[in-house]
Structure formats: C-alpha cells, structure tokens
Amino acid sequence: MTLPTSGSQSSRRKKIIIAVMAVAAVAAVALLFPHAKPIPVVLQTVERGVVEASVSNTRAGTVNACRRAKMSPSAGGQIAKLLVKKGQRVKQGQILLELWDNDLHAQERLAQDQLKVSLTRVQEVCTLADAAQRDAARSQELRDQGFISAQQLDRALTEASAKQSACASARGDIEQSRSRIAVAQATLERMVLRAPFDGVVADISGELGEFATPSPPGILTIPAIDLIDDSCLYVSAPIDEVDAPKLKVGQVSRITLDAIKGRVFSGKVRRIAPYVLDLEKQARTVEVEVEFDKLAEDEGLLVGYSADVEIIHEVREQVLRVPTRALLEGNRVLRFGEGGMLEERTLTTGLSNWEYVEVTAGLAEGDRIVTSLDREGMKAGVRVEPEATPAAK
C-alpha cells in the first residue's frame, strides 16, 4: 500500500480552501443582490378621490315598463274591426278594436226617435196647458163680475191644472228618452277598446271574426291587446335582506344590461317593497325598483331584458384610496420603497367597493403600491422596477 506524500496533501488542502472561498463569495453576492435583475411591476400612485359604498342585486333583475295594460273589451262580442297591428305606436284615446254592435246602434236610433216624439208631444201638450191656464184666468175674472157660476170656474181651474200636469209628464218623457240614449251610447262604448295611454302594441291575441271576452273575476283569460308605454322603464331586482336597511327611495343607481355590453345607464330607486320575499331554496330578498333616467328615443331598450343594478348608498369625496385589486388578504399592500425594494403595509380601511378602498391609515398620499400581484415572486423584500408604459401611438 502506497501512502500519500506530504506534497499531494498540501495541494488537496489548497483546492478545498479555494472551493470554500468561492461558495462564500457566491453566498455574499446572493445576500447583497437577491435578484440580479429586478422584477417589472405595475405601480399605482396613492391619491385622493371618491369612494362609494353600494349594494347589488342577488339575482338578475328584469326591465319593465312603468305602464303596461293587457286589455280586453269590457263586453263580450265578435271582433268587427281590428284597427292596429303588432309593433304599431298609438296615442291615448285611439280606437284599437271594435266589436259587432249593429243591434246597439239600432237601439240608440230608437231612443233618438223616441226623443223626437217626446219633444213634439211636449210642444203640443204644454201649448194646450198654457191655453187652459189663460182660460182659467179669464174664468176667474168673469166669476168676479158675476157672469159665470162658481162651478164653471172650478171646472176651468181643474182643466188647467190637469193640462199642466200632462205638460210636466211630457217633459219627464223627454228626460227618460235622453237617459235611454245615454244608456245606449254607454253600451256602445263598451264595444270599443281604446288606448288608455300613448304606447306601442306589444301583442294582439284576436283576429277579425273571432270572439273576444272580458276576464271574469278570478278567471284568467288571454287579453285581446297588450299595450306597453316604453317611454318610462324601470328594473325590478331582488336585493339581499341584509342590505335592505341601507336603501332609500331616490338613491342614485347604475344599471347594466346583458344585451348591451359596455354600457352603463343611470337611474334612481323609485320603490322598495315593504316586505321580504321568502321563496323556497332561495335567499330572502327585498324587491327594489330602479327607474331609468331620461332615455333617448333610439336607445332600443326592450321590456323583459335582464339587468343588474348597483345602488349607491354612501359616498365620500376627496379621501385617500387604493385600487381594490391591490389588496392582499388582511388588508395588506406592497409598497414601492427605497432602492426598489417592496415593503409590506397593513392598512386601516373605510368604505369599499369593487373598484376602490378608502384608506384611513397605513399609507400616505403619493406612495406607490403594486397592482400586478398575480406575477411570480411578489412579496416583501423583493427588488422590483416600474414596468415601462408603452408609448401612445
């Protein structure tokens, strides 16, 4: 067996020492410079602005018309005239349809004829009554002069009184005839369906020659015409019962529609239901109605669209705020510190929404915080650099 010489041992020691020194140097560099290249991040400057607190619906709401009438004639009958079409715009009082009413018109003409007869008879009877009254007056003068007997005077007075009564009765016939005419006209009016307000005809369920019937109490029948006033629209949406105490009529709201992407409509709360809906297998909610602010005629909103509402119940202006997306669990943020090192700050917060959170303590105006938290390696102690913003074209 050959033993190692002293020269070879010395060489081996030198190699070990050199290796240890190299490792120590690498460790020192790693300690002093954790990342040779800083991580690019998106920074947001902490500034003052408006923060709103809001509540939203728990399930999709529905666009409704402020006025909608599903109408049928107040009397049953055969449709004789259908004067509108689906989608047609109509004015208040415009006739929509008419039922067959020839028999009622005949009754009205009969009442008109009876009125003419009554007027003629009144003229005749009342003229005779006036003549009898004058005769009675002359008979009184003759009796005072002793030319006629008391019996003759009594007969003249009786005849005058009887003819005055006949005149009054004939005048009563006139009023009776006029009442018959009014009844006939009212019955005719029931055979006509008019628009109760300006709007658009949404649907028509009857056709010419078909029978239209009114809805008896407690029995639902298909209406003849569905009329919508689309000049005033609102959203009916359910709000969680926990949020209901925060709501008041008149609060400003934002409305978004699935059918119109990227558009936000303004509105106001017009009604809050005075009760809680308790539906099986669903959270308890309060129905809230949010009315659209003034809409342009070409908005193209349709009744029945699904919609979401965001009701603003508290607003604070000129408060320190940070983007909601910049918050870590526990109300923590990563602040851009000296030398590009990230620092962790725990915040005391106030109002918040999906976009901004009010900061009452933990940051100062002008601080910069990281908003690109989804990037790898984002934690306190990491060296970063602001990401270059592409130049505007």
Protein backbone atom coordinates (compact mmCIF):
# COMPACT_ATOMS: atom_id res chain seq x y z
CA MET A 1 0.00 0.00 0.00
CA THR A 2 1.39 3.39 -1.03
CA LEU A 3 0.94 6.27 1.46
CA PRO A 4 0.18 9.81 0.10
CA THR A 5 3.12 12.17 0.17
CA SER A 6 3.07 15.50 2.03
CA GLY A 7 3.10 17.42 -1.28
CA SER A 8 -0.11 15.86 -2.53
CA GLN A 9 -1.87 16.59 0.82
CA SER A 10 -0.90 20.24 0.62
CA SER A 11 -2.31 20.50 -2.91
CA ARG A 12 -5.59 18.98 -1.81
CA ARG A 13 -5.93 21.44 1.09
CA LYS A 14 -5.44 24.36 -1.26
CA LYS A 15 -8.20 23.12 -3.56
CA ILE A 16 -10.63 22.75 -0.62
CA ILE A 17 -9.84 26.24 0.64
CA ILE A 18 -10.40 27.71 -2.83
CA ALA A 19 -13.74 25.94 -3.17
CA VAL A 20 -14.92 27.18 0.24
CA MET A 21 -13.95 30.74 -0.64
CA ALA A 22 -15.84 30.51 -3.94
CA VAL A 23 -19.00 29.31 -2.18
CA ALA A 24 -18.70 32.09 0.39
CA ALA A 25 -18.33 34.66 -2.40
CA VAL A 26 -21.42 33.38 -4.18
CA ALA A 27 -23.37 33.46 -0.91
CA ALA A 28 -22.26 37.02 -0.25
CA VAL A 29 -23.35 38.14 -3.71
CA ALA A 30 -26.70 36.38 -3.30
CA LEU A 31 -27.20 38.08 0.07
CA LEU A 32 -26.32 41.55 -1.18
CA PHE A 33 -28.17 41.20 -4.51
CA PRO A 34 -31.21 38.91 -4.12
CA HIS A 35 -32.13 39.32 -7.80
CA ALA A 36 -29.61 40.15 -10.35
CA LYS A 37 -32.45 41.54 -12.48
CA PRO A 38 -35.39 43.45 -10.80
CA ILE A 39 -38.91 42.15 -11.46
CA PRO A 40 -41.02 44.52 -13.59
CA VAL A 41 -44.27 45.51 -11.83
CA VAL A 42 -47.28 47.77 -12.38
CA LEU A 43 -47.43 50.54 -9.80
CA GLN A 44 -50.33 52.76 -8.76
CA THR A 45 -49.87 56.11 -7.04
CA VAL A 46 -51.94 56.53 -3.89
CA GLU A 47 -54.16 59.58 -4.37
CA ARG A 48 -57.36 61.17 -3.20
CA GLY A 49 -60.73 60.68 -4.87
CA VAL A 50 -64.30 59.48 -4.47
CA VAL A 51 -65.18 56.17 -2.83
CA GLU A 52 -68.72 54.86 -2.96
CA ALA A 53 -70.44 52.14 -0.98
CA SER A 54 -73.04 50.21 -2.94
CA VAL A 55 -75.24 47.12 -2.95
CA SER A 56 -76.17 44.95 -5.90
CA ASN A 57 -78.93 42.50 -6.75
CA THR A 58 -78.56 38.87 -5.78
CA ARG A 59 -80.20 37.56 -8.96
CA ALA A 60 -80.77 39.09 -12.38
CA GLY A 61 -83.42 41.77 -12.49
CA THR A 62 -85.89 42.48 -15.30
CA VAL A 63 -86.62 45.60 -17.35
CA ASN A 64 -90.30 46.53 -17.03
CA ALA A 65 -92.49 49.32 -18.38
CA CYS A 66 -93.88 51.86 -15.91
CA ARG A 67 -97.28 51.35 -17.56
CA ARG A 68 -98.45 48.18 -19.26
CA ALA A 69 -102.06 47.25 -19.99
CA LYS A 70 -103.25 43.82 -21.05
CA MET A 71 -106.71 44.75 -22.26
CA SER A 72 -109.93 43.19 -23.44
CA PRO A 73 -113.26 44.90 -24.22
CA SER A 74 -115.47 45.32 -21.17
CA ALA A 75 -118.21 43.42 -23.04
CA GLY A 76 -118.02 40.21 -24.99
CA GLY A 77 -118.63 40.04 -28.70
CA GLN A 78 -117.35 39.32 -32.19
CA ILE A 79 -114.39 41.40 -33.41
CA ALA A 80 -115.68 43.52 -36.31
CA LYS A 81 -112.75 45.93 -36.73
CA LEU A 82 -109.10 45.46 -35.78
CA LEU A 83 -107.53 48.86 -36.30
CA VAL A 84 -103.90 48.28 -35.15
CA LYS A 85 -101.01 45.90 -35.78
CA LYS A 86 -98.28 44.46 -33.58
CA GLY A 87 -95.50 46.97 -33.03
CA GLN A 88 -97.66 49.94 -34.01
CA ARG A 89 -97.44 53.09 -31.91
CA VAL A 90 -100.74 54.53 -30.75
CA LYS A 91 -101.95 57.66 -28.98
CA GLN A 92 -104.09 57.90 -25.87
CA GLY A 93 -107.78 57.51 -26.75
CA GLN A 94 -107.09 55.92 -30.14
CA ILE A 95 -109.50 53.10 -31.06
CA LEU A 96 -107.74 49.72 -31.13
CA LEU A 97 -110.62 47.40 -31.99
CA GLU A 98 -114.41 47.37 -32.26
CA LEU A 99 -116.90 44.58 -31.60
CA TRP A 100 -120.02 43.92 -33.69
CA ASP A 101 -122.65 46.37 -32.40
CA ASN A 102 -125.32 46.84 -35.09
CA ASP A 103 -128.08 45.92 -32.65
CA LEU A 104 -126.87 48.50 -30.15
CA HIS A 105 -126.78 51.19 -32.83
CA ALA A 106 -130.39 50.28 -33.67
CA GLN A 107 -131.33 50.72 -30.03
CA GLU A 108 -129.64 54.10 -29.97
CA ARG A 109 -131.56 55.20 -33.11
CA LEU A 110 -134.81 54.03 -31.49
CA ALA A 111 -134.04 56.10 -28.40
CA GLN A 112 -133.26 59.12 -30.60
CA ASP A 113 -136.62 58.70 -32.40
CA GLN A 114 -138.43 58.42 -29.09
CA LEU A 115 -136.79 61.65 -28.02
CA LYS A 116 -138.10 63.41 -31.13
CA VAL A 117 -141.63 62.12 -30.43
CA SER A 118 -141.38 63.26 -26.82
CA LEU A 119 -140.25 66.73 -27.87
CA THR A 120 -143.21 67.03 -30.28
CA ARG A 121 -145.68 65.81 -27.66
CA VAL A 122 -144.31 68.28 -25.10
CA GLN A 123 -144.83 71.11 -27.52
CA GLU A 124 -148.43 70.00 -28.09
CA VAL A 125 -149.39 69.24 -24.51
CA CYS A 126 -147.69 72.22 -22.99
CA THR A 127 -149.27 74.56 -25.54
CA LEU A 128 -152.72 73.25 -24.53
CA ALA A 129 -151.77 73.63 -20.88
CA ASP A 130 -150.86 77.28 -21.44
CA ALA A 131 -154.20 77.86 -23.20
CA ALA A 132 -156.08 76.17 -20.34
CA GLN A 133 -154.23 78.37 -17.87
CA ARG A 134 -155.31 81.51 -19.74
CA ASP A 135 -158.91 80.26 -19.88
CA ALA A 136 -158.85 79.68 -16.14
CA ALA A 137 -157.61 83.23 -15.61
CA ARG A 138 -160.46 84.68 -17.73
CA SER A 139 -162.99 82.48 -15.93
CA GLN A 140 -161.80 83.93 -12.65
CA GLU A 141 -162.41 87.45 -13.95
CA LEU A 142 -165.90 86.51 -15.20
CA ARG A 143 -166.74 84.90 -11.84
CA ASP A 144 -165.62 88.03 -10.02
CA GLN A 145 -168.01 90.05 -12.23
CA GLY A 146 -170.81 87.52 -11.64
CA PHE A 147 -171.13 86.38 -15.23
CA ILE A 148 -170.41 82.65 -14.54
CA SER A 149 -171.08 80.34 -11.68
CA ALA A 150 -168.54 79.02 -9.21
CA GLN A 151 -168.99 75.57 -10.69
CA GLN A 152 -167.88 76.77 -14.11
CA LEU A 153 -164.81 78.45 -12.60
CA ASP A 154 -163.91 75.28 -10.72
CA ARG A 155 -164.16 73.28 -13.93
CA ALA A 156 -161.80 75.71 -15.76
CA LEU A 157 -159.27 75.64 -12.93
CA THR A 158 -159.33 71.84 -12.79
CA GLU A 159 -158.79 71.53 -16.52
CA ALA A 160 -155.85 73.97 -16.41
CA SER A 161 -154.25 72.04 -13.55
CA ALA A 162 -154.68 68.70 -15.34
CA LYS A 163 -153.11 70.02 -18.52
CA GLN A 164 -150.16 71.48 -16.58
CA SER A 165 -149.61 68.03 -15.06
CA ALA A 166 -149.76 66.48 -18.55
CA CYS A 167 -147.14 69.01 -19.67
CA ALA A 168 -144.86 68.10 -16.77
CA SER A 169 -145.33 64.39 -17.56
CA ALA A 170 -144.41 65.00 -21.20
CA ARG A 171 -141.26 66.82 -20.11
CA GLY A 172 -140.40 63.77 -17.98
CA ASP A 173 -140.71 61.62 -21.09
CA ILE A 174 -138.02 63.79 -22.70
CA GLU A 175 -135.58 63.14 -19.83
CA GLN A 176 -136.43 59.45 -19.99
CA SER A 177 -135.66 59.37 -23.70
CA ARG A 178 -132.37 61.14 -23.15
CA SER A 179 -131.45 58.61 -20.46
CA ARG A 180 -132.21 55.77 -22.89
CA ILE A 181 -129.86 57.40 -25.40
CA ALA A 182 -127.13 57.72 -22.73
CA VAL A 183 -127.54 54.02 -21.84
CA ALA A 184 -127.31 53.03 -25.49
CA GLN A 185 -124.20 55.14 -26.01
CA ALA A 186 -122.55 53.74 -22.87
CA THR A 187 -123.26 50.23 -24.08
CA LEU A 188 -121.77 51.09 -27.47
CA GLU A 189 -118.67 52.46 -25.76
CA ARG A 190 -118.14 49.08 -24.08
CA MET A 191 -117.87 47.53 -27.53
CA VAL A 192 -114.89 49.75 -28.38
CA LEU A 193 -111.38 49.26 -26.98
CA ARG A 194 -109.33 52.47 -26.73
CA ALA A 195 -105.70 53.07 -25.77
CA PRO A 196 -105.51 54.32 -22.15
CA PHE A 197 -102.11 55.94 -22.81
CA ASP A 198 -99.52 56.53 -25.54
CA GLY A 199 -97.55 53.37 -26.25
CA VAL A 200 -96.69 50.50 -28.57
CA VAL A 201 -98.86 47.46 -29.27
CA ALA A 202 -96.83 44.52 -27.99
CA ASP A 203 -99.24 41.72 -28.87
CA ILE A 204 -102.69 41.01 -30.31
CA SER A 205 -104.43 37.76 -29.47
CA GLY A 206 -107.63 38.16 -31.52
CA GLU A 207 -108.45 38.21 -35.23
CA LEU A 208 -111.36 39.56 -37.26
CA GLY A 209 -114.48 37.45 -36.75
CA GLU A 210 -113.23 35.85 -33.53
CA PHE A 211 -114.99 36.35 -30.21
CA ALA A 212 -113.38 38.49 -27.55
CA THR A 213 -114.46 38.02 -23.97
CA PRO A 214 -113.66 40.03 -20.82
CA SER A 215 -111.95 38.32 -17.90
CA PRO A 216 -114.48 37.20 -15.29
CA PRO A 217 -113.40 37.76 -11.66
CA GLY A 218 -110.93 35.08 -10.60
CA ILE A 219 -110.56 33.60 -14.10
CA LEU A 220 -107.51 34.50 -16.16
CA THR A 221 -108.13 34.84 -19.89
CA ILE A 222 -105.80 35.93 -22.68
CA PRO A 223 -106.06 39.71 -23.27
CA ALA A 224 -107.04 40.94 -26.71
CA ILE A 225 -104.28 43.59 -26.85
CA ASP A 226 -101.10 44.06 -24.83
CA LEU A 227 -100.09 47.75 -24.76
CA ILE A 228 -96.74 48.99 -23.39
CA ASP A 229 -95.69 52.53 -22.51
CA ASP A 230 -91.97 52.27 -23.30
CA SER A 231 -91.30 55.96 -22.61
CA CYS A 232 -90.76 55.07 -18.95
CA LEU A 233 -88.79 51.95 -17.98
CA TYR A 234 -87.51 50.54 -14.71
CA VAL A 235 -85.65 47.49 -13.43
CA SER A 236 -87.18 45.24 -10.81
CA ALA A 237 -84.41 43.38 -8.96
CA PRO A 238 -84.03 41.39 -5.71
CA ILE A 239 -81.68 42.76 -3.03
CA ASP A 240 -80.48 40.65 -0.10
CA GLU A 241 -82.44 41.33 3.07
CA VAL A 242 -79.17 42.19 4.88
CA ASP A 243 -78.65 45.17 2.55
CA ALA A 244 -82.26 46.38 2.63
CA PRO A 245 -81.81 48.80 5.62
CA LYS A 246 -79.21 50.74 3.60
CA LEU A 247 -81.66 51.58 0.81
CA LYS A 248 -83.82 54.68 0.40
CA VAL A 249 -86.08 55.93 -2.37
CA GLY A 250 -84.21 58.38 -4.61
CA GLN A 251 -80.73 56.87 -4.22
CA VAL A 252 -78.56 57.05 -7.34
CA SER A 253 -78.07 53.76 -9.17
CA ARG A 254 -76.20 52.27 -12.09
CA ILE A 255 -77.88 49.82 -14.44
CA THR A 256 -76.15 47.33 -16.75
CA LEU A 257 -77.79 45.06 -19.30
CA ASP A 258 -76.56 41.72 -20.62
CA ALA A 259 -77.94 42.65 -24.04
CA ILE A 260 -75.97 45.93 -24.24
CA LYS A 261 -72.38 45.22 -23.26
CA GLY A 262 -70.14 48.02 -22.04
CA ARG A 263 -72.98 50.49 -21.45
CA VAL A 264 -73.91 51.79 -18.01
CA PHE A 265 -77.27 53.56 -17.56
CA SER A 266 -78.04 55.92 -14.70
CA GLY A 267 -81.17 55.60 -12.61
CA LYS A 268 -82.80 56.21 -9.24
CA VAL A 269 -84.56 53.97 -6.72
CA ARG A 270 -88.31 54.54 -7.14
CA ARG A 271 -89.74 51.87 -4.86
CA ILE A 272 -88.63 49.48 -2.11
CA ALA A 273 -91.03 46.64 -1.36
CA PRO A 274 -92.41 46.82 2.22
CA TYR A 275 -91.94 43.08 2.73
CA VAL A 276 -89.34 40.31 2.36
CA LEU A 277 -89.75 37.55 -0.23
CA ASP A 278 -89.34 34.13 1.34
CA LEU A 279 -89.05 31.70 -1.56
CA GLU A 280 -88.19 28.05 -1.08
CA LYS A 281 -84.48 27.22 -1.60
CA GLN A 282 -83.62 30.88 -2.19
CA ALA A 283 -82.16 33.60 -0.02
CA ARG A 284 -84.62 36.06 1.45
CA THR A 285 -84.72 39.21 -0.62
CA VAL A 286 -86.44 42.59 -0.94
CA GLU A 287 -87.75 43.62 -4.34
CA VAL A 288 -86.43 47.03 -5.43
CA GLU A 289 -87.47 49.08 -8.46
CA VAL A 290 -84.85 51.31 -10.11
CA GLU A 291 -86.17 53.73 -12.73
CA PHE A 292 -84.03 54.73 -15.71
CA ASP A 293 -83.15 58.38 -16.04
CA LYS A 294 -84.28 60.10 -19.23
CA LEU A 295 -83.69 57.77 -22.18
CA ALA A 296 -83.18 58.75 -25.79
CA GLU A 297 -85.81 57.53 -28.24
CA ASP A 298 -83.23 55.41 -30.09
CA GLU A 299 -81.89 53.57 -27.04
CA GLY A 300 -83.57 50.37 -28.21
CA LEU A 301 -84.30 49.00 -24.75
CA LEU A 302 -86.83 46.20 -24.70
CA VAL A 303 -89.18 45.25 -21.91
CA GLY A 304 -88.06 41.91 -20.50
CA TYR A 305 -84.28 42.43 -20.81
CA SER A 306 -82.28 41.00 -17.92
CA ALA A 307 -80.47 43.68 -15.92
CA ASP A 308 -78.25 44.27 -12.90
CA VAL A 309 -78.38 47.28 -10.60
CA GLU A 310 -75.78 48.86 -8.34
CA ILE A 311 -77.35 51.18 -5.77
CA ILE A 312 -75.07 53.81 -4.21
CA HIS A 313 -76.00 54.29 -0.55
CA GLU A 314 -72.96 56.26 0.73
CA VAL A 315 -70.37 58.50 -0.95
CA ARG A 316 -67.16 60.01 0.45
CA GLU A 317 -65.22 62.55 -1.58
CA GLN A 318 -61.53 63.51 -1.52
CA VAL A 319 -60.46 60.56 0.63
CA LEU A 320 -57.24 58.58 0.31
CA ARG A 321 -57.94 55.49 -1.75
CA VAL A 322 -56.24 52.47 -3.35
CA PRO A 323 -57.48 50.11 -6.06
CA THR A 324 -59.29 47.10 -4.62
CA ARG A 325 -57.17 44.78 -6.81
CA ALA A 326 -54.03 45.96 -4.95
CA LEU A 327 -55.15 44.50 -1.60
CA LEU A 328 -53.77 41.24 -0.24
CA GLU A 329 -55.52 39.18 2.42
CA GLY A 330 -55.70 41.02 5.71
CA ASN A 331 -55.86 44.48 4.08
CA ARG A 332 -52.15 44.37 3.19
CA VAL A 333 -50.42 46.07 0.26
CA LEU A 334 -46.90 46.02 -1.19
CA ARG A 335 -45.35 49.50 -1.20
CA PHE A 336 -42.56 50.51 -3.58
CA GLY A 337 -39.77 51.54 -1.21
CA GLU A 338 -36.24 52.92 -1.35
CA GLY A 339 -33.96 51.26 -3.88
CA GLY A 340 -36.89 49.48 -5.48
CA MET A 341 -37.44 47.13 -2.53
CA LEU A 342 -41.01 46.10 -1.76
CA GLU A 343 -42.37 46.83 1.71
CA GLU A 344 -45.48 45.30 3.24
CA ARG A 345 -48.00 47.69 4.80
CA THR A 346 -51.17 46.79 6.72
CA LEU A 347 -53.98 49.29 6.12
CA THR A 348 -56.88 50.59 8.12
CA THR A 349 -59.77 50.89 5.64
CA GLY A 350 -63.17 52.57 5.42
CA LEU A 351 -65.69 52.43 2.58
CA SER A 352 -65.02 50.00 -0.23
CA ASN A 353 -66.42 48.73 -3.50
CA TRP A 354 -65.24 46.61 -6.39
CA GLU A 355 -63.03 49.41 -7.68
CA TYR A 356 -61.60 51.39 -4.74
CA VAL A 357 -60.99 51.07 -0.99
CA GLU A 358 -60.78 54.03 1.35
CA VAL A 359 -57.51 54.19 3.36
CA THR A 360 -57.64 55.84 6.79
CA ALA A 361 -54.17 54.73 7.98
CA GLY A 362 -51.11 52.86 6.68
CA LEU A 363 -50.25 54.88 3.54
CA ALA A 364 -49.60 58.48 2.59
CA GLU A 365 -50.67 60.40 -0.48
CA GLY A 366 -48.08 59.93 -3.23
CA ASP A 367 -46.96 56.44 -2.12
CA ARG A 368 -46.75 53.88 -4.89
CA ILE A 369 -48.12 50.36 -4.48
CA VAL A 370 -48.07 47.21 -6.60
CA THR A 371 -51.23 46.29 -8.50
CA SER A 372 -49.76 43.38 -10.52
CA LEU A 373 -49.98 40.95 -7.62
CA ASP A 374 -50.51 37.96 -9.90
CA ARG A 375 -46.87 37.95 -11.03
CA GLU A 376 -44.46 35.41 -9.65
CA GLY A 377 -42.28 36.44 -6.74
CA MET A 378 -44.39 39.33 -5.45
CA LYS A 379 -43.55 39.65 -1.75
CA ALA A 380 -41.90 42.00 0.72
CA GLY A 381 -38.11 42.29 0.33
CA VAL A 382 -38.10 41.69 -3.42
CA ARG A 383 -36.38 44.26 -5.64
CA VAL A 384 -38.61 45.48 -8.46
CA GLU A 385 -38.73 48.17 -11.10
CA PRO A 386 -41.72 50.03 -12.57
CA GLU A 387 -42.90 48.49 -15.82
CA ALA A 388 -42.37 50.67 -18.84
CA THR A 389 -45.57 52.13 -20.20
CA PRO A 390 -45.96 51.66 -23.97
CA ALA A 391 -45.74 54.94 -25.85
CA ALA A 392 -49.08 56.21 -27.14
CA LYS A 393 -49.50 55.96 -30.88
